[in-house]
């Protein structure tokens, strides 16, 4: 069995990465998928004066549910096993760390996410994951 880390953010690229993992499963890879969403931390001291940690946690839960919903449905329909992983942190670092700590064999992710300016050429998160990851990374356009 191959353990694949599949970080998603609800973007079309993330959906194509999911389709790639499903294709691998149909070819007989039998993956164990770690379906991951990483929420960006809210670090503004000014904002924290007006919102509670409970409100921030709720926001991250809602964002994760929205980002994972369509991907989970695709994996369910294809009969691919997965477990949800939700973290809050800097995405590239969290992705690389999870892959190492959980013995993932590879990472499959989209080249561009929901961001804008940082994703002009090849997503800034994807580029950073390439540099940080200690396992093979497959980028899907």
N, C-alpha and C. Protein backbone atom coordinates (compact mmCIF):
# COMPACT_ATOMS: atom_id res chain seq x y z
N UNK A 1 0.85 -1.18 0.00
CA UNK A 1 0.00 0.00 0.00
C UNK A 1 0.90 1.24 0.00
N UNK A 2 0.48 2.22 -0.75
CA UNK A 2 1.23 3.47 -0.87
C UNK A 2 0.46 4.57 -0.15
N UNK A 3 1.15 5.33 0.69
CA UNK A 3 0.53 6.43 1.41
C UNK A 3 0.79 7.72 0.63
N UNK A 4 -0.29 8.37 0.23
CA UNK A 4 -0.21 9.59 -0.57
C UNK A 4 -0.81 10.74 0.22
N UNK A 5 -0.04 11.81 0.36
CA UNK A 5 -0.55 13.03 0.97
C UNK A 5 -1.14 13.89 -0.15
N UNK A 6 -2.40 14.23 0.00
CA UNK A 6 -3.14 15.01 -1.00
C UNK A 6 -3.63 16.31 -0.36
N UNK A 7 -2.80 17.37 -0.39
CA UNK A 7 -3.24 18.64 0.17
C UNK A 7 -4.19 19.33 -0.82
N UNK A 8 -5.31 19.82 -0.31
CA UNK A 8 -6.30 20.47 -1.17
C UNK A 8 -6.76 21.78 -0.54
N UNK A 9 -7.28 22.65 -1.42
CA UNK A 9 -7.79 23.93 -0.94
C UNK A 9 -9.11 24.30 -1.60
N UNK A 10 -9.71 23.38 -2.33
CA UNK A 10 -10.97 23.66 -3.00
C UNK A 10 -10.80 24.23 -4.40
N UNK A 11 -9.58 24.38 -4.87
CA UNK A 11 -9.32 24.97 -6.18
C UNK A 11 -9.47 23.93 -7.30
N UNK A 12 -9.63 24.39 -8.54
CA UNK A 12 -9.68 23.46 -9.67
C UNK A 12 -8.41 22.61 -9.78
N UNK A 13 -7.25 23.18 -9.50
CA UNK A 13 -6.00 22.39 -9.54
C UNK A 13 -6.03 21.27 -8.50
N UNK A 14 -6.56 21.55 -7.34
CA UNK A 14 -6.65 20.53 -6.30
C UNK A 14 -7.60 19.41 -6.74
N UNK A 15 -8.66 19.77 -7.44
CA UNK A 15 -9.58 18.75 -7.94
C UNK A 15 -8.90 17.88 -8.99
N UNK A 16 -8.07 18.49 -9.84
CA UNK A 16 -7.35 17.70 -10.84
C UNK A 16 -6.32 16.78 -10.17
N UNK A 17 -5.70 17.24 -9.09
CA UNK A 17 -4.78 16.39 -8.34
C UNK A 17 -5.54 15.20 -7.75
N UNK A 18 -6.75 15.44 -7.30
CA UNK A 18 -7.59 14.37 -6.76
C UNK A 18 -7.91 13.36 -7.85
N UNK A 19 -8.24 13.85 -9.03
CA UNK A 19 -8.53 12.94 -10.16
C UNK A 19 -7.29 12.10 -10.50
N UNK A 20 -6.12 12.69 -10.38
CA UNK A 20 -4.87 11.96 -10.62
C UNK A 20 -4.72 10.81 -9.62
N UNK A 21 -4.99 11.09 -8.35
CA UNK A 21 -4.90 10.05 -7.32
C UNK A 21 -5.93 8.95 -7.57
N UNK A 22 -7.12 9.34 -7.99
CA UNK A 22 -8.16 8.35 -8.32
C UNK A 22 -7.70 7.48 -9.48
N UNK A 23 -7.06 8.08 -10.48
CA UNK A 23 -6.54 7.30 -11.61
C UNK A 23 -5.48 6.31 -11.14
N UNK A 24 -4.62 6.72 -10.21
CA UNK A 24 -3.63 5.80 -9.65
C UNK A 24 -4.32 4.62 -8.98
N UNK A 25 -5.38 4.91 -8.25
CA UNK A 25 -6.11 3.85 -7.55
C UNK A 25 -6.73 2.87 -8.56
N UNK A 26 -7.24 3.40 -9.65
CA UNK A 26 -7.84 2.54 -10.69
C UNK A 26 -6.79 1.69 -11.38
N UNK A 27 -5.54 2.15 -11.37
CA UNK A 27 -4.44 1.40 -11.99
C UNK A 27 -3.87 0.37 -11.02
N UNK A 28 -4.43 0.28 -9.82
CA UNK A 28 -4.03 -0.76 -8.88
C UNK A 28 -3.05 -0.33 -7.81
N UNK A 29 -2.83 0.95 -7.62
CA UNK A 29 -1.88 1.42 -6.61
C UNK A 29 -2.39 1.16 -5.20
N UNK A 30 -3.69 1.14 -4.98
CA UNK A 30 -4.29 0.94 -3.66
C UNK A 30 -3.75 1.93 -2.63
N UNK A 31 -3.99 3.21 -2.84
CA UNK A 31 -3.40 4.22 -1.94
C UNK A 31 -4.17 4.37 -0.63
N UNK A 32 -3.43 4.74 0.39
CA UNK A 32 -4.03 5.27 1.60
C UNK A 32 -3.79 6.77 1.49
N UNK A 33 -4.87 7.53 1.36
CA UNK A 33 -4.76 8.96 1.11
C UNK A 33 -4.93 9.75 2.39
N UNK A 34 -4.01 10.67 2.62
CA UNK A 34 -4.15 11.65 3.70
C UNK A 34 -4.65 12.92 3.01
N UNK A 35 -5.93 13.16 3.12
CA UNK A 35 -6.58 14.33 2.51
C UNK A 35 -6.40 15.50 3.45
N UNK A 36 -5.60 16.48 3.04
CA UNK A 36 -5.16 17.52 3.97
C UNK A 36 -5.60 18.91 3.54
N UNK A 37 -6.06 19.66 4.53
CA UNK A 37 -6.33 21.09 4.37
C UNK A 37 -5.52 21.83 5.43
N UNK A 38 -4.82 22.88 4.99
CA UNK A 38 -4.06 23.69 5.93
C UNK A 38 -4.61 25.10 5.92
N UNK A 39 -5.16 25.52 7.05
CA UNK A 39 -5.66 26.88 7.19
C UNK A 39 -4.53 27.82 7.57
N UNK A 40 -4.56 28.98 7.00
CA UNK A 40 -3.54 29.98 7.29
C UNK A 40 -3.85 30.62 8.65
N UNK A 41 -2.86 30.69 9.53
CA UNK A 41 -3.12 31.24 10.86
C UNK A 41 -3.50 32.72 10.81
N UNK A 42 -4.33 33.10 11.73
CA UNK A 42 -4.71 34.51 11.87
C UNK A 42 -3.78 35.09 12.92
N UNK A 43 -2.84 35.90 12.45
CA UNK A 43 -1.78 36.38 13.32
C UNK A 43 -1.89 37.87 13.64
N UNK A 44 -2.94 38.50 13.23
CA UNK A 44 -3.08 39.93 13.45
C UNK A 44 -3.48 40.23 14.89
N UNK A 45 -2.62 40.93 15.60
CA UNK A 45 -2.93 41.31 16.98
C UNK A 45 -4.14 42.24 17.01
N UNK A 46 -4.26 43.08 16.00
CA UNK A 46 -5.40 44.01 15.93
C UNK A 46 -6.71 43.22 15.79
N UNK A 47 -6.75 42.26 14.87
CA UNK A 47 -7.95 41.47 14.66
C UNK A 47 -8.30 40.66 15.90
N UNK A 48 -7.30 40.12 16.56
CA UNK A 48 -7.54 39.29 17.74
C UNK A 48 -8.18 40.07 18.89
N UNK A 49 -8.13 41.38 18.83
CA UNK A 49 -8.81 42.19 19.84
C UNK A 49 -10.32 42.11 19.70
N UNK A 50 -10.80 41.72 18.51
CA UNK A 50 -12.23 41.74 18.22
C UNK A 50 -12.86 40.36 18.04
N UNK A 51 -12.03 39.34 17.92
CA UNK A 51 -12.58 37.99 17.75
C UNK A 51 -11.95 37.06 18.78
N UNK A 52 -12.71 36.07 19.17
CA UNK A 52 -12.23 35.11 20.15
C UNK A 52 -11.55 33.94 19.45
N UNK A 53 -10.81 33.16 20.21
CA UNK A 53 -10.18 31.97 19.66
C UNK A 53 -11.24 31.00 19.17
N UNK A 54 -12.35 30.94 19.86
CA UNK A 54 -13.46 30.07 19.45
C UNK A 54 -13.98 30.48 18.07
N UNK A 55 -14.08 31.78 17.81
CA UNK A 55 -14.52 32.26 16.51
C UNK A 55 -13.50 31.90 15.43
N UNK A 56 -12.23 32.04 15.74
CA UNK A 56 -11.17 31.69 14.79
C UNK A 56 -11.20 30.20 14.49
N UNK A 57 -11.35 29.38 15.52
CA UNK A 57 -11.41 27.93 15.33
C UNK A 57 -12.62 27.55 14.46
N UNK A 58 -13.75 28.19 14.70
CA UNK A 58 -14.94 27.95 13.89
C UNK A 58 -14.72 28.33 12.43
N UNK A 59 -14.05 29.44 12.22
CA UNK A 59 -13.73 29.88 10.86
C UNK A 59 -12.87 28.83 10.16
N UNK A 60 -11.84 28.33 10.85
CA UNK A 60 -10.97 27.33 10.25
C UNK A 60 -11.73 26.03 9.96
N UNK A 61 -12.64 25.63 10.84
CA UNK A 61 -13.45 24.43 10.61
C UNK A 61 -14.31 24.58 9.36
N UNK A 62 -14.96 25.74 9.24
CA UNK A 62 -15.82 25.99 8.08
C UNK A 62 -15.01 26.00 6.78
N UNK A 63 -13.85 26.63 6.81
CA UNK A 63 -12.99 26.68 5.63
C UNK A 63 -12.53 25.28 5.23
N UNK A 64 -12.15 24.49 6.21
CA UNK A 64 -11.70 23.12 5.94
C UNK A 64 -12.82 22.29 5.36
N UNK A 65 -14.00 22.37 5.96
CA UNK A 65 -15.15 21.61 5.46
C UNK A 65 -15.46 21.98 4.02
N UNK A 66 -15.44 23.26 3.71
CA UNK A 66 -15.74 23.71 2.34
C UNK A 66 -14.67 23.22 1.37
N UNK A 67 -13.41 23.29 1.76
CA UNK A 67 -12.32 22.88 0.87
C UNK A 67 -12.28 21.37 0.65
N UNK A 68 -12.63 20.60 1.68
CA UNK A 68 -12.54 19.14 1.60
C UNK A 68 -13.79 18.48 1.04
N UNK A 69 -14.91 19.16 1.06
CA UNK A 69 -16.20 18.57 0.69
C UNK A 69 -16.17 17.93 -0.71
N UNK A 70 -15.81 18.68 -1.73
CA UNK A 70 -15.89 18.14 -3.09
C UNK A 70 -14.84 17.05 -3.32
N UNK A 71 -13.67 17.22 -2.74
CA UNK A 71 -12.62 16.22 -2.90
C UNK A 71 -13.01 14.92 -2.21
N UNK A 72 -13.56 15.02 -1.01
CA UNK A 72 -14.00 13.83 -0.29
C UNK A 72 -15.10 13.11 -1.08
N UNK A 73 -15.99 13.87 -1.70
CA UNK A 73 -17.06 13.26 -2.50
C UNK A 73 -16.49 12.50 -3.69
N UNK A 74 -15.47 13.07 -4.34
CA UNK A 74 -14.83 12.38 -5.46
C UNK A 74 -14.16 11.08 -5.01
N UNK A 75 -13.44 11.15 -3.90
CA UNK A 75 -12.78 9.96 -3.38
C UNK A 75 -13.79 8.91 -2.94
N UNK A 76 -14.87 9.34 -2.29
CA UNK A 76 -15.93 8.41 -1.87
C UNK A 76 -16.53 7.70 -3.08
N UNK A 77 -16.86 8.46 -4.12
CA UNK A 77 -17.48 7.89 -5.32
C UNK A 77 -16.55 6.89 -6.01
N UNK A 78 -15.25 7.12 -5.92
CA UNK A 78 -14.28 6.23 -6.55
C UNK A 78 -13.88 5.06 -5.64
N UNK A 79 -14.35 5.09 -4.40
CA UNK A 79 -14.02 4.02 -3.46
C UNK A 79 -12.59 4.07 -2.95
N UNK A 80 -12.00 5.27 -2.95
CA UNK A 80 -10.63 5.44 -2.47
C UNK A 80 -10.67 5.78 -0.98
N UNK A 81 -9.92 5.02 -0.19
CA UNK A 81 -9.86 5.27 1.25
C UNK A 81 -9.05 6.52 1.54
N UNK A 82 -9.49 7.26 2.53
CA UNK A 82 -8.76 8.46 2.92
C UNK A 82 -9.05 8.79 4.37
N UNK A 83 -8.18 9.61 4.91
CA UNK A 83 -8.46 10.18 6.23
C UNK A 83 -8.24 11.68 6.12
N UNK A 84 -9.10 12.40 6.77
CA UNK A 84 -9.02 13.87 6.76
C UNK A 84 -7.96 14.35 7.74
N UNK A 85 -7.20 15.32 7.28
CA UNK A 85 -6.19 15.96 8.12
C UNK A 85 -6.40 17.46 7.99
N UNK A 86 -6.63 18.12 9.11
CA UNK A 86 -6.81 19.57 9.10
C UNK A 86 -5.80 20.17 10.07
N UNK A 87 -5.02 21.10 9.55
CA UNK A 87 -4.04 21.80 10.37
C UNK A 87 -4.16 23.29 10.12
N UNK A 88 -3.64 24.05 11.05
CA UNK A 88 -3.52 25.49 10.89
C UNK A 88 -2.03 25.80 10.98
N UNK A 89 -1.53 26.49 9.99
CA UNK A 89 -0.11 26.82 9.97
C UNK A 89 0.26 27.34 8.60
N UNK A 90 1.54 27.43 8.37
CA UNK A 90 2.01 27.86 7.06
C UNK A 90 1.95 26.63 6.16
N UNK A 91 1.18 26.69 5.07
CA UNK A 91 0.85 25.49 4.30
C UNK A 91 2.04 24.63 3.85
N UNK A 92 3.03 25.20 3.21
CA UNK A 92 4.14 24.38 2.70
C UNK A 92 4.86 23.64 3.82
N UNK A 93 5.11 24.34 4.90
CA UNK A 93 5.80 23.73 6.02
C UNK A 93 4.95 22.62 6.65
N UNK A 94 3.65 22.87 6.79
CA UNK A 94 2.76 21.87 7.38
C UNK A 94 2.66 20.63 6.49
N UNK A 95 2.62 20.83 5.18
CA UNK A 95 2.53 19.71 4.24
C UNK A 95 3.79 18.86 4.32
N UNK A 96 4.96 19.49 4.23
CA UNK A 96 6.23 18.75 4.28
C UNK A 96 6.40 18.03 5.61
N UNK A 97 6.04 18.69 6.70
CA UNK A 97 6.15 18.10 8.04
C UNK A 97 5.24 16.87 8.16
N UNK A 98 4.00 17.00 7.70
CA UNK A 98 3.06 15.88 7.79
C UNK A 98 3.58 14.68 7.00
N UNK A 99 4.08 14.93 5.81
CA UNK A 99 4.60 13.84 4.97
C UNK A 99 5.71 13.09 5.70
N UNK A 100 6.59 13.82 6.35
CA UNK A 100 7.70 13.20 7.07
C UNK A 100 7.21 12.46 8.32
N UNK A 101 6.41 13.13 9.12
CA UNK A 101 5.97 12.56 10.40
C UNK A 101 5.06 11.34 10.24
N UNK A 102 4.35 11.26 9.11
CA UNK A 102 3.38 10.18 8.94
C UNK A 102 3.81 9.16 7.89
N UNK A 103 5.06 9.22 7.49
CA UNK A 103 5.60 8.21 6.59
C UNK A 103 4.94 8.18 5.22
N UNK A 104 4.53 9.32 4.72
CA UNK A 104 3.92 9.35 3.39
C UNK A 104 4.97 9.01 2.33
N UNK A 105 4.56 8.24 1.34
CA UNK A 105 5.46 7.86 0.26
C UNK A 105 5.61 8.96 -0.78
N UNK A 106 4.56 9.77 -0.92
CA UNK A 106 4.60 10.86 -1.89
C UNK A 106 3.55 11.90 -1.57
N UNK A 107 3.70 13.04 -2.24
CA UNK A 107 2.74 14.13 -2.14
C UNK A 107 2.23 14.39 -3.55
N UNK A 108 0.92 14.49 -3.69
CA UNK A 108 0.30 14.86 -4.97
C UNK A 108 -0.50 16.12 -4.71
N UNK A 109 -0.19 17.18 -5.46
CA UNK A 109 -0.90 18.44 -5.22
C UNK A 109 -1.00 19.25 -6.51
N UNK A 110 -1.92 20.19 -6.49
CA UNK A 110 -2.08 21.09 -7.63
C UNK A 110 -0.97 22.11 -7.68
N UNK A 111 -0.75 22.66 -8.88
CA UNK A 111 0.32 23.65 -9.04
C UNK A 111 -0.10 25.01 -8.54
N UNK A 112 -1.38 25.28 -8.57
CA UNK A 112 -1.85 26.60 -8.12
C UNK A 112 -3.08 26.43 -7.27
N UNK A 113 -3.12 27.20 -6.19
CA UNK A 113 -4.27 27.12 -5.30
C UNK A 113 -5.18 28.31 -5.44
N UNK A 114 -5.88 28.59 -4.36
CA UNK A 114 -6.87 29.66 -4.36
C UNK A 114 -6.25 31.04 -4.21
N UNK A 115 -4.95 31.12 -3.91
CA UNK A 115 -4.28 32.42 -3.78
C UNK A 115 -4.19 33.11 -5.13
N UNK A 116 -3.70 34.35 -5.15
CA UNK A 116 -3.62 35.06 -6.41
C UNK A 116 -2.21 35.53 -6.72
N UNK A 117 -1.76 36.56 -6.09
CA UNK A 117 -0.47 37.17 -6.42
C UNK A 117 0.68 36.18 -6.26
N UNK A 118 0.70 35.43 -5.20
CA UNK A 118 1.80 34.49 -4.96
C UNK A 118 1.80 33.30 -5.89
N UNK A 119 0.75 33.14 -6.68
CA UNK A 119 0.62 31.96 -7.54
C UNK A 119 0.69 32.28 -9.02
N UNK A 120 1.42 33.31 -9.40
CA UNK A 120 1.43 33.74 -10.79
C UNK A 120 2.07 32.73 -11.73
N UNK A 121 3.18 32.14 -11.36
CA UNK A 121 3.87 31.24 -12.28
C UNK A 121 3.58 29.79 -11.90
N UNK A 122 4.18 29.34 -10.84
CA UNK A 122 3.92 28.01 -10.28
C UNK A 122 3.60 28.31 -8.83
N UNK A 123 2.50 27.87 -8.32
CA UNK A 123 2.09 28.29 -6.99
C UNK A 123 3.23 28.39 -5.99
N UNK A 124 3.24 29.44 -5.22
CA UNK A 124 4.32 29.64 -4.25
C UNK A 124 4.34 28.52 -3.21
N UNK A 125 3.19 27.99 -2.86
CA UNK A 125 3.15 26.88 -1.90
C UNK A 125 3.73 25.63 -2.55
N UNK A 126 3.35 25.35 -3.79
CA UNK A 126 3.88 24.18 -4.48
C UNK A 126 5.40 24.27 -4.61
N UNK A 127 5.90 25.43 -4.96
CA UNK A 127 7.34 25.61 -5.09
C UNK A 127 8.04 25.36 -3.76
N UNK A 128 7.48 25.87 -2.70
CA UNK A 128 8.09 25.70 -1.37
C UNK A 128 8.03 24.23 -0.94
N UNK A 129 6.93 23.54 -1.22
CA UNK A 129 6.83 22.12 -0.89
C UNK A 129 7.92 21.34 -1.62
N UNK A 130 8.16 21.66 -2.88
CA UNK A 130 9.22 21.00 -3.64
C UNK A 130 10.56 21.11 -2.92
N UNK A 131 10.83 22.26 -2.34
CA UNK A 131 12.11 22.48 -1.66
C UNK A 131 12.16 21.83 -0.28
N UNK A 132 11.02 21.74 0.40
CA UNK A 132 11.01 21.24 1.78
C UNK A 132 10.78 19.74 1.91
N UNK A 133 10.05 19.16 0.98
CA UNK A 133 9.63 17.77 1.12
C UNK A 133 10.79 16.79 0.97
N UNK A 134 10.76 15.77 1.78
CA UNK A 134 11.76 14.71 1.70
C UNK A 134 11.25 13.49 0.93
N UNK A 135 10.09 13.65 0.29
CA UNK A 135 9.50 12.56 -0.50
C UNK A 135 9.19 13.09 -1.89
N UNK A 136 8.96 12.22 -2.86
CA UNK A 136 8.60 12.69 -4.20
C UNK A 136 7.33 13.53 -4.18
N UNK A 137 7.31 14.58 -4.99
CA UNK A 137 6.16 15.46 -5.10
C UNK A 137 5.70 15.44 -6.56
N UNK A 138 4.44 15.14 -6.76
CA UNK A 138 3.85 15.19 -8.09
C UNK A 138 2.96 16.42 -8.14
N UNK A 139 3.24 17.31 -9.09
CA UNK A 139 2.43 18.52 -9.27
C UNK A 139 1.51 18.31 -10.46
N UNK A 140 0.23 18.63 -10.26
CA UNK A 140 -0.78 18.44 -11.29
C UNK A 140 -1.29 19.80 -11.70
N UNK A 141 -1.23 20.08 -13.01
CA UNK A 141 -1.71 21.36 -13.54
C UNK A 141 -3.22 21.39 -13.63
